[in-house]
PDB file of N, CA and C in Angstrom:
ATOM      1  N   MET A   1      25.317  59.718 -39.549  1.00  0.00           N
ATOM      2  CA  MET A   1      24.729  58.502 -39.313  1.00  0.00           C
ATOM      3  C   MET A   1      25.403  57.954 -38.138  1.00  0.00           C
ATOM      4  N   SER A   2      25.669  56.880 -37.211  1.00  0.00           N
ATOM      5  CA  SER A   2      25.269  56.054 -36.105  1.00  0.00           C
ATOM      6  C   SER A   2      26.436  55.319 -36.012  1.00  0.00           C
ATOM      7  N   ASN A   3      27.658  55.154 -35.403  1.00  0.00           N
ATOM      8  CA  ASN A   3      28.459  54.251 -35.365  1.00  0.00           C
ATOM      9  C   ASN A   3      28.411  53.203 -34.102  1.00  0.00           C
ATOM     10  N   LYS A   4      26.515  53.303 -34.599  1.00  0.00           N
ATOM     11  CA  LYS A   4      26.438  52.054 -33.204  1.00  0.00           C
ATOM     12  C   LYS A   4      26.407  50.668 -34.181  1.00  0.00           C
ATOM     13  N   ASN A   5      26.630  49.356 -33.508  1.00  0.00           N
ATOM     14  CA  ASN A   5      26.848  48.308 -33.733  1.00  0.00           C
ATOM     15  C   ASN A   5      25.183  47.459 -33.792  1.00  0.00           C
ATOM     16  N   PRO A   6      25.022  46.957 -34.082  1.00  0.00           N
ATOM     17  CA  PRO A   6      23.454  45.922 -34.185  1.00  0.00           C
ATOM     18  C   PRO A   6      23.209  45.751 -32.705  1.00  0.00           C
ATOM     19  N   PHE A   7      24.395  45.169 -31.825  1.00  0.00           N
ATOM     20  CA  PHE A   7      23.477  44.922 -30.148  1.00  0.00           C
ATOM     21  C   PHE A   7      23.484  46.264 -29.755  1.00  0.00           C
ATOM     22  N   GLU A   8      23.961  47.500 -29.931  1.00  0.00           N
ATOM     23  CA  GLU A   8      23.864  48.911 -28.751  1.00  0.00           C
ATOM     24  C   GLU A   8      22.082  49.507 -29.974  1.00  0.00           C
ATOM     25  N   ILE A   9      22.508  48.801 -30.842  1.00  0.00           N
ATOM     26  CA  ILE A   9      20.741  49.487 -31.389  1.00  0.00           C
ATOM     27  C   ILE A   9      19.721  48.467 -31.335  1.00  0.00           C
ATOM     28  N   ARG A  10      20.019  46.986 -30.670  1.00  0.00           N
ATOM     29  CA  ARG A  10      18.843  46.606 -29.972  1.00  0.00           C
ATOM     30  C   ARG A  10      18.620  46.741 -28.587  1.00  0.00           C
ATOM     31  N   LEU A  11      19.706  47.291 -28.141  1.00  0.00           N
ATOM     32  CA  LEU A  11      19.618  47.796 -26.431  1.00  0.00           C
ATOM     33  C   LEU A  11      18.890  48.807 -26.718  1.00  0.00           C
ATOM     34  N   GLU A  12      18.973  49.269 -27.739  1.00  0.00           N
ATOM     35  CA  GLU A  12      18.293  51.158 -27.449  1.00  0.00           C
ATOM     36  C   GLU A  12      16.679  50.658 -27.521  1.00  0.00           C
ATOM     37  N   ILE A  13      16.521  49.779 -28.752  1.00  0.00           N
ATOM     38  CA  ILE A  13      15.282  49.700 -29.202  1.00  0.00           C
ATOM     39  C   ILE A  13      14.365  49.493 -27.969  1.00  0.00           C
ATOM     40  N   LEU A  14      15.367  48.174 -27.322  1.00  0.00           N
ATOM     41  CA  LEU A  14      14.693  47.658 -25.784  1.00  0.00           C
ATOM     42  C   LEU A  14      14.326  48.647 -24.957  1.00  0.00           C
ATOM     43  N   ASN A  15      15.455  49.339 -24.726  1.00  0.00           N
ATOM     44  CA  ASN A  15      15.034  50.421 -23.682  1.00  0.00           C
ATOM     45  C   ASN A  15      14.075  51.440 -24.128  1.00  0.00           C
ATOM     46  N   MET A  16      13.676  51.583 -25.479  1.00  0.00           N
ATOM     47  CA  MET A  16      13.147  52.760 -25.394  1.00  0.00           C
ATOM     48  C   MET A  16      11.361  51.772 -25.304  1.00  0.00           C
ATOM     49  N   ALA A  17      11.491  50.354 -25.854  1.00  0.00           N
ATOM     50  CA  ALA A  17      10.142  49.953 -25.633  1.00  0.00           C
ATOM     51  C   ALA A  17       9.534  49.736 -24.176  1.00  0.00           C
ATOM     52  N   LYS A  18      10.613  49.635 -23.234  1.00  0.00           N
ATOM     53  CA  LYS A  18      10.506  49.554 -21.662  1.00  0.00           C
ATOM     54  C   LYS A  18      10.244  50.882 -21.414  1.00  0.00           C
ATOM     55  N   SER A  19      11.069  52.050 -21.726  1.00  0.00           N
ATOM     56  CA  SER A  19       9.896  52.815 -21.244  1.00  0.00           C
ATOM     57  C   SER A  19       8.664  53.895 -21.903  1.00  0.00           C
ATOM     58  N   TYR A  20       8.334  52.900 -22.766  1.00  0.00           N
ATOM     59  CA  TYR A  20       7.174  53.011 -23.651  1.00  0.00           C
ATOM     60  C   TYR A  20       6.261  52.451 -22.671  1.00  0.00           C
ATOM     61  N   LEU A  21       5.944  51.022 -22.408  1.00  0.00           N
ATOM     62  CA  LEU A  21       5.560  50.225 -21.487  1.00  0.00           C
ATOM     63  C   LEU A  21       5.496  50.813 -20.158  1.00  0.00           C
ATOM     64  N   GLU A  22       6.809  51.282 -19.518  1.00  0.00           N
ATOM     65  CA  GLU A  22       6.403  51.791 -18.225  1.00  0.00           C
ATOM     66  C   GLU A  22       5.369  53.345 -18.138  1.00  0.00           C
ATOM     67  N   GLY A  23       5.655  54.126 -19.091  1.00  0.00           N
ATOM     68  CA  GLY A  23       4.763  55.338 -19.109  1.00  0.00           C
ATOM     69  C   GLY A  23       3.783  54.367 -19.530  1.00  0.00           C
ATOM     70  N   GLN A  24       3.516  54.331 -20.156  1.00  0.00           N
ATOM     71  CA  GLN A  24       1.902  53.338 -20.312  1.00  0.00           C
ATOM     72  C   GLN A  24       1.268  52.617 -18.987  1.00  0.00           C
ATOM     73  N   TYR A  25       2.386  52.218 -18.198  1.00  0.00           N
ATOM     74  CA  TYR A  25       1.640  51.315 -17.184  1.00  0.00           C
ATOM     75  C   TYR A  25       1.410  52.762 -15.628  1.00  0.00           C
ATOM     76  N   TYR A  26       2.547  53.641 -15.504  1.00  0.00           N
ATOM     77  CA  TYR A  26       1.933  54.227 -14.929  1.00  0.00           C
ATOM     78  C   TYR A  26       0.428  55.594 -14.982  1.00  0.00           C
ATOM     79  N   THR A  27       0.879  56.098 -16.465  1.00  0.00           N
ATOM     80  CA  THR A  27      -0.634  56.143 -16.789  1.00  0.00           C
ATOM     81  C   THR A  27      -1.857  55.708 -16.522  1.00  0.00           C
ATOM     82  N   ASN A  28      -1.623  54.346 -16.308  1.00  0.00           N
ATOM     83  CA  ASN A  28      -3.078  53.089 -16.395  1.00  0.00           C
ATOM     84  C   ASN A  28      -2.778  53.200 -14.676  1.00  0.00           C
ATOM     85  N   LEU A  29      -2.366  53.137 -13.687  1.00  0.00           N
ATOM     86  CA  LEU A  29      -1.954  52.919 -13.197  1.00  0.00           C
ATOM     87  C   LEU A  29      -2.883  54.832 -11.846  1.00  0.00           C
ATOM     88  N   GLU A  30      -1.985  55.767 -12.518  1.00  0.00           N
ATOM     89  CA  GLU A  30      -2.746  56.727 -11.884  1.00  0.00           C
ATOM     90  C   GLU A  30      -3.810  56.868 -12.533  1.00  0.00           C
ATOM     91  N   PHE A  31      -4.609  56.770 -13.696  1.00  0.00           N
ATOM     92  CA  PHE A  31      -5.877  57.033 -14.068  1.00  0.00           C
ATOM     93  C   PHE A  31      -6.904  55.947 -13.487  1.00  0.00           C
ATOM     94  N   ALA A  32      -6.441  54.302 -12.805  1.00  0.00           N
ATOM     95  CA  ALA A  32      -6.686  53.617 -11.386  1.00  0.00           C
ATOM     96  C   ALA A  32      -7.105  54.265 -10.198  1.00  0.00           C
ATOM     97  N   LYS A  33      -5.957  55.166 -10.048  1.00  0.00           N
ATOM     98  CA  LYS A  33      -5.636  55.731  -8.026  1.00  0.00           C
ATOM     99  C   LYS A  33      -7.397  56.241  -8.380  1.00  0.00           C
ATOM    100  N   ASN A  34      -7.026  57.481  -9.719  1.00  0.00           N
ATOM    101  CA  ASN A  34      -7.941  58.527  -9.634  1.00  0.00           C
ATOM    102  C   ASN A  34      -9.830  57.726 -10.110  1.00  0.00           C
ATOM    103  N   SER A  35      -9.766  56.713 -10.847  1.00  0.00           N
ATOM    104  CA  SER A  35     -11.113  56.415 -10.504  1.00  0.00           C
ATOM    105  C   SER A  35     -11.421  55.838  -9.103  1.00  0.00           C
ATOM    106  N   TYR A  36     -10.265  54.706  -8.848  1.00  0.00           N
ATOM    107  CA  TYR A  36     -10.891  53.691  -7.189  1.00  0.00           C
ATOM    108  C   TYR A  36     -11.046  55.486  -6.188  1.00  0.00           C
ATOM    109  N   GLU A  37     -10.516  56.387  -5.934  1.00  0.00           N
ATOM    110  CA  GLU A  37     -10.748  57.340  -5.232  1.00  0.00           C
ATOM    111  C   GLU A  37     -12.014  57.749  -5.274  1.00  0.00           C
ATOM    112  N   LYS A  38     -12.220  57.849  -6.558  1.00  0.00           N
ATOM    113  CA  LYS A  38     -13.729  58.649  -6.871  1.00  0.00           C
ATOM    114  C   LYS A  38     -14.651  57.883  -6.432  1.00  0.00           C
ATOM    115  N   ALA A  39     -15.091  56.135  -6.895  1.00  0.00           N
ATOM    116  CA  ALA A  39     -15.788  55.432  -6.598  1.00  0.00           C
ATOM    117  C   ALA A  39     -15.406  55.713  -4.913  1.00  0.00           C
ATOM    118  N   ILE A  40     -14.817  55.416  -3.840  1.00  0.00           N
ATOM    119  CA  ILE A  40     -14.966  55.429  -2.563  1.00  0.00           C
ATOM    120  C   ILE A  40     -15.570  56.657  -1.798  1.00  0.00           C
ATOM    121  N   GLU A  41     -15.357  58.025  -2.619  1.00  0.00           N
ATOM    122  CA  GLU A  41     -15.813  58.925  -2.196  1.00  0.00           C
ATOM    123  C   GLU A  41     -17.828  58.965  -2.724  1.00  0.00           C
ATOM    124  N   LEU A  42     -18.029  58.187  -3.729  1.00  0.00           N
ATOM    125  CA  LEU A  42     -19.663  57.937  -3.755  1.00  0.00           C
ATOM    126  C   LEU A  42     -19.846  56.576  -3.122  1.00  0.00           C
ATOM    127  N   GLY A  43     -18.908  56.097  -2.402  1.00  0.00           N
ATOM    128  CA  GLY A  43     -19.500  54.606  -1.814  1.00  0.00           C
ATOM    129  C   GLY A  43     -19.701  53.626  -2.352  1.00  0.00           C
ATOM    130  N   LYS A  44     -19.123  53.744  -3.898  1.00  0.00           N
ATOM    131  CA  LYS A  44     -20.059  52.557  -5.023  1.00  0.00           C
ATOM    132  C   LYS A  44     -18.544  51.591  -4.134  1.00  0.00           C
ATOM    133  N   THR A  45     -17.904  51.709  -4.015  1.00  0.00           N
ATOM    134  CA  THR A  45     -16.574  50.779  -3.438  1.00  0.00           C
ATOM    135  C   THR A  45     -16.265  50.376  -2.150  1.00  0.00           C
ATOM    136  N   SER A  46     -15.135  49.527  -1.912  1.00  0.00           N
ATOM    137  CA  SER A  46     -14.292  49.086  -0.370  1.00  0.00           C
ATOM    138  C   SER A  46     -13.331  49.463  -0.644  1.00  0.00           C
ATOM    139  N   GLN A  47     -12.544  50.033   0.030  1.00  0.00           N
ATOM    140  CA  GLN A  47     -10.754  49.581   0.194  1.00  0.00           C
ATOM    141  C   GLN A  47     -10.031  48.412   0.041  1.00  0.00           C
ATOM    142  N   GLU A  48     -10.814  47.396  -0.044  1.00  0.00           N
ATOM    143  CA  GLU A  48     -10.642  45.850  -0.383  1.00  0.00           C
ATOM    144  C   GLU A  48     -10.398  45.756  -1.767  1.00  0.00           C
ATOM    145  N   ALA A  49     -11.100  46.694  -2.536  1.00  0.00           N
ATOM    146  CA  ALA A  49     -11.317  46.144  -3.849  1.00  0.00           C
ATOM    147  C   ALA A  49      -9.957  46.732  -4.888  1.00  0.00           C
ATOM    148  N   TRP A  50      -9.314  47.842  -4.146  1.00  0.00           N
ATOM    149  CA  TRP A  50      -8.207  48.436  -4.895  1.00  0.00           C
ATOM    150  C   TRP A  50      -7.336  47.087  -5.611  1.00  0.00           C
ATOM    151  N   LYS A  51      -6.754  46.197  -5.047  1.00  0.00           N
ATOM    152  CA  LYS A  51      -6.191  45.098  -5.535  1.00  0.00           C
ATOM    153  C   LYS A  51      -6.828  44.896  -7.440  1.00  0.00           C
ATOM    154  N   GLU A  52      -8.149  44.878  -7.311  1.00  0.00           N
ATOM    155  CA  GLU A  52      -8.996  43.840  -8.350  1.00  0.00           C
ATOM    156  C   GLU A  52      -8.431  46.104  -9.582  1.00  0.00           C
ATOM    157  N   CYS A  53      -8.476  47.099  -8.683  1.00  0.00           N
ATOM    158  CA  CYS A  53      -8.382  48.202  -9.609  1.00  0.00           C
ATOM    159  C   CYS A  53      -6.885  48.591 -10.393  1.00  0.00           C
ATOM    160  N   ILE A  54      -5.732  47.719  -9.907  1.00  0.00           N
ATOM    161  CA  ILE A  54      -4.700  47.923  -9.887  1.00  0.00           C
ATOM    162  C   ILE A  54      -4.120  46.993 -11.707  1.00  0.00           C
ATOM    163  N   PRO A  55      -3.773  47.975 -12.707  1.00  0.00           N
ATOM    164  CA  PRO A  55      -3.779  47.321 -13.776  1.00  0.00           C
ATOM    165  C   PRO A  55      -2.091  46.066 -13.834  1.00  0.00           C
ATOM    166  N   PRO A  56      -2.510  45.923 -14.415  1.00  0.00           N
ATOM    167  CA  PRO A  56      -1.118  43.921 -14.180  1.00  0.00           C
ATOM    168  C   PRO A  56       0.443  44.986 -14.690  1.00  0.00           C
ATOM    169  N   MET A  57       1.574  44.592 -14.824  1.00  0.00           N
ATOM    170  CA  MET A  57       2.738  44.721 -14.678  1.00  0.00           C
ATOM    171  C   MET A  57       3.064  44.194 -15.697  1.00  0.00           C
ATOM    172  N   PHE A  58       3.618  44.549 -16.915  1.00  0.00           N
ATOM    173  CA  PHE A  58       4.078  44.173 -17.998  1.00  0.00           C
ATOM    174  C   PHE A  58       5.236  42.889 -17.717  1.00  0.00           C
ATOM    175  N   GLY A  59       5.472  42.387 -18.161  1.00  0.00           N
ATOM    176  CA  GLY A  59       6.795  41.396 -18.229  1.00  0.00           C
ATOM    177  C   GLY A  59       7.800  41.622 -19.750  1.00  0.00           C
ATOM    178  N   VAL A  60       8.751  40.565 -19.329  1.00  0.00           N
ATOM    179  CA  VAL A  60       9.951  40.683 -20.661  1.00  0.00           C
ATOM    180  C   VAL A  60       9.277  40.336 -21.978  1.00  0.00           C
ATOM    181  N   ASN A  61       8.011  39.773 -21.659  1.00  0.00           N
ATOM    182  CA  ASN A  61       7.291  39.132 -22.921  1.00  0.00           C
ATOM    183  C   ASN A  61       6.929  40.671 -23.519  1.00  0.00           C
ATOM    184  N   GLU A  62       6.431  40.805 -23.002  1.00  0.00           N
ATOM    185  CA  GLU A  62       5.894  42.623 -23.490  1.00  0.00           C
ATOM    186  C   GLU A  62       7.130  43.399 -24.037  1.00  0.00           C
ATOM    187  N   ILE A  63       7.806  43.590 -23.304  1.00  0.00           N
ATOM    188  CA  ILE A  63       8.533  44.551 -23.386  1.00  0.00           C
ATOM    189  C   ILE A  63       9.464  43.974 -25.189  1.00  0.00           C
ATOM    190  N   ILE A  64       9.788  42.646 -25.367  1.00  0.00           N
ATOM    191  CA  ILE A  64      10.643  41.738 -26.524  1.00  0.00           C
ATOM    192  C   ILE A  64       9.108  42.250 -27.586  1.00  0.00           C
ATOM    193  N   GLU A  65       7.567  41.800 -27.039  1.00  0.00           N
ATOM    194  CA  GLU A  65       6.954  42.315 -28.428  1.00  0.00           C
ATOM    195  C   GLU A  65       7.063  43.493 -28.864  1.00  0.00           C
ATOM    196  N   LYS A  66       7.530  44.434 -27.666  1.00  0.00           N
ATOM    197  CA  LYS A  66       6.946  46.176 -28.245  1.00  0.00           C
ATOM    198  C   LYS A  66       8.279  46.105 -28.795  1.00  0.00           C
ATOM    199  N   ALA A  67       9.217  45.978 -28.151  1.00  0.00           N
ATOM    200  CA  ALA A  67      10.782  46.308 -29.482  1.00  0.00           C
ATOM    201  C   ALA A  67      10.804  45.800 -31.127  1.00  0.00           C
ATOM    202  N   ASN A  68      10.338  44.791 -30.438  1.00  0.00           N
ATOM    203  CA  ASN A  68       9.826  43.624 -31.971  1.00  0.00           C
ATOM    204  C   ASN A  68       8.608  44.759 -32.920  1.00  0.00           C
ATOM    205  N   GLU A  69       7.739  45.487 -32.534  1.00  0.00           N
ATOM    206  CA  GLU A  69       6.677  46.178 -33.433  1.00  0.00           C
ATOM    207  C   GLU A  69       7.770  47.593 -33.196  1.00  0.00           C
ATOM    208  N   MET A  70       8.691  48.078 -32.889  1.00  0.00           N
ATOM    209  CA  MET A  70       9.306  48.967 -33.009  1.00  0.00           C
ATOM    210  C   MET A  70      10.607  48.786 -34.326  1.00  0.00           C
ATOM    211  N   TYR A  71      10.977  48.009 -33.659  1.00  0.00           N
ATOM    212  CA  TYR A  71      11.618  47.532 -35.494  1.00  0.00           C
ATOM    213  C   TYR A  71      11.324  47.046 -36.522  1.00  0.00           C
ATOM    214  N   SER A  72       9.951  46.557 -36.199  1.00  0.00           N
ATOM    215  CA  SER A  72       9.554  46.143 -37.638  1.00  0.00           C
ATOM    216  C   SER A  72       9.304  48.175 -38.506  1.00  0.00           C
ATOM    217  N   PHE A  73       8.670  49.085 -37.293  1.00  0.00           N
ATOM    218  CA  PHE A  73       8.398  50.324 -37.727  1.00  0.00           C
ATOM    219  C   PHE A  73       9.844  50.444 -38.734  1.00  0.00           C
ATOM    220  N   ILE A  74      10.948  50.679 -37.878  1.00  0.00           N
ATOM    221  CA  ILE A  74      11.520  51.102 -38.830  1.00  0.00           C
ATOM    222  C   ILE A  74      12.319  50.291 -39.718  1.00  0.00           C
ATOM    223  N   CYS A  75      12.640  49.184 -39.828  1.00  0.00           N
ATOM    224  CA  CYS A  75      12.717  48.155 -40.597  1.00  0.00           C
ATOM    225  C   CYS A  75      12.166  48.798 -42.099  1.00  0.00           C
ATOM    226  N   ALA A  76      10.546  49.458 -41.882  1.00  0.00           N
ATOM    227  CA  ALA A  76       9.329  49.206 -42.877  1.00  0.00           C
ATOM    228  C   ALA A  76       9.976  50.935 -43.203  1.00  0.00           C
ATOM    229  N   SER A  77      10.101  51.645 -42.759  1.00  0.00           N
ATOM    230  CA  SER A  77      10.751  52.757 -43.021  1.00  0.00           C
ATOM    231  C   SER A  77      11.725  53.192 -43.921  1.00  0.00           C
ATOM    232  N   GLY A  78      12.400  52.176 -43.378  1.00  0.00           N
ATOM    233  CA  GLY A  78      13.828  52.170 -43.908  1.00  0.00           C
ATOM    234  C   GLY A  78      13.526  52.103 -45.697  1.00  0.00           C
ATOM    235  N   ARG A  79      12.266  51.161 -45.929  1.00  0.00           N
ATOM    236  CA  ARG A  79      11.897  50.330 -47.041  1.00  0.00           C
ATOM    237  C   ARG A  79      11.510  51.473 -48.378  1.00  0.00           C
ATOM    238  N   SER A  80      10.364  51.832 -46.903  1.00  0.00           N
ATOM    239  CA  SER A  80       9.766  53.176 -48.170  1.00  0.00           C
ATOM    240  C   SER A  80      10.692  54.137 -48.371  1.00  0.00           C
ATOM    241  N   GLU A  81      11.806  54.215 -47.657  1.00  0.00           N
ATOM    242  CA  GLU A  81      12.752  55.748 -48.007  1.00  0.00           C
ATOM    243  C   GLU A  81      13.729  54.834 -49.384  1.00  0.00           C
ATOM    244  N   GLU A  82      13.667  53.662 -50.153  1.00  0.00           N
ATOM    245  CA  GLU A  82      14.422  53.293 -50.528  1.00  0.00           C
ATOM    246  C   GLU A  82      13.955  53.197 -52.079  1.00  0.00           C
ATOM    247  N   LYS A  83      12.877  53.231 -52.004  1.00  0.00           N
ATOM    248  CA  LYS A  83      11.129  52.904 -52.734  1.00  0.00           C
ATOM    249  C   LYS A  83      10.805  54.746 -53.062  1.00  0.00           C
ATOM    250  N   ASP A  84      11.405  55.463 -52.518  1.00  0.00           N
ATOM    251  CA  ASP A  84      11.373  56.833 -53.115  1.00  0.00           C
ATOM    252  C   ASP A  84      12.547  56.996 -53.381  1.00  0.00           C
ATOM    253  N   THR A  85      13.654  56.729 -53.018  1.00  0.00           N
ATOM    254  CA  THR A  85      15.156  56.852 -53.797  1.00  0.00           C
ATOM    255  C   THR A  85      15.150  56.919 -55.138  1.00  0.00           C
ATOM    256  N   ASN A  86      14.367  55.632 -55.379  1.00  0.00           N
ATOM    257  CA  ASN A  86      14.442  54.348 -56.990  1.00  0.00           C
ATOM    258  C   ASN A  86      13.728  55.345 -57.356  1.00  0.00           C
ATOM    259  N   LYS A  87      12.568  55.711 -57.097  1.00  0.00           N
ATOM    260  CA  LYS A  87      11.749  56.870 -57.918  1.00  0.00           C
ATOM    261  C   LYS A  87      12.520  57.999 -58.927  1.00  0.00           C
ATOM    262  N   LYS A  88      13.046  58.543 -58.300  1.00  0.00           N
ATOM    263  CA  LYS A  88      14.073  59.541 -58.543  1.00  0.00           C
ATOM    264  C   LYS A  88      14.902  59.712 -60.006  1.00  0.00           C
TER     265      LYS A  88
END
């Protein structure tokens, strides 16, 4: 059992959400970079088009949305465990 208070748990979930979105962003950025470089090699785009290829960076609202999504999953998991223990 954890000795964390609700504020520490919320902070941990926010950090998890931020880490998840950062990972997603950098994966998308790497994909865009590789696709752009391939298009340059094939002569299908110009160097000025790079700005259009960059994925948008997430903001605070996206972090909060993802944290809420993660928190709702935790709450739903707890409810299903309670149902399982009530069946026994």
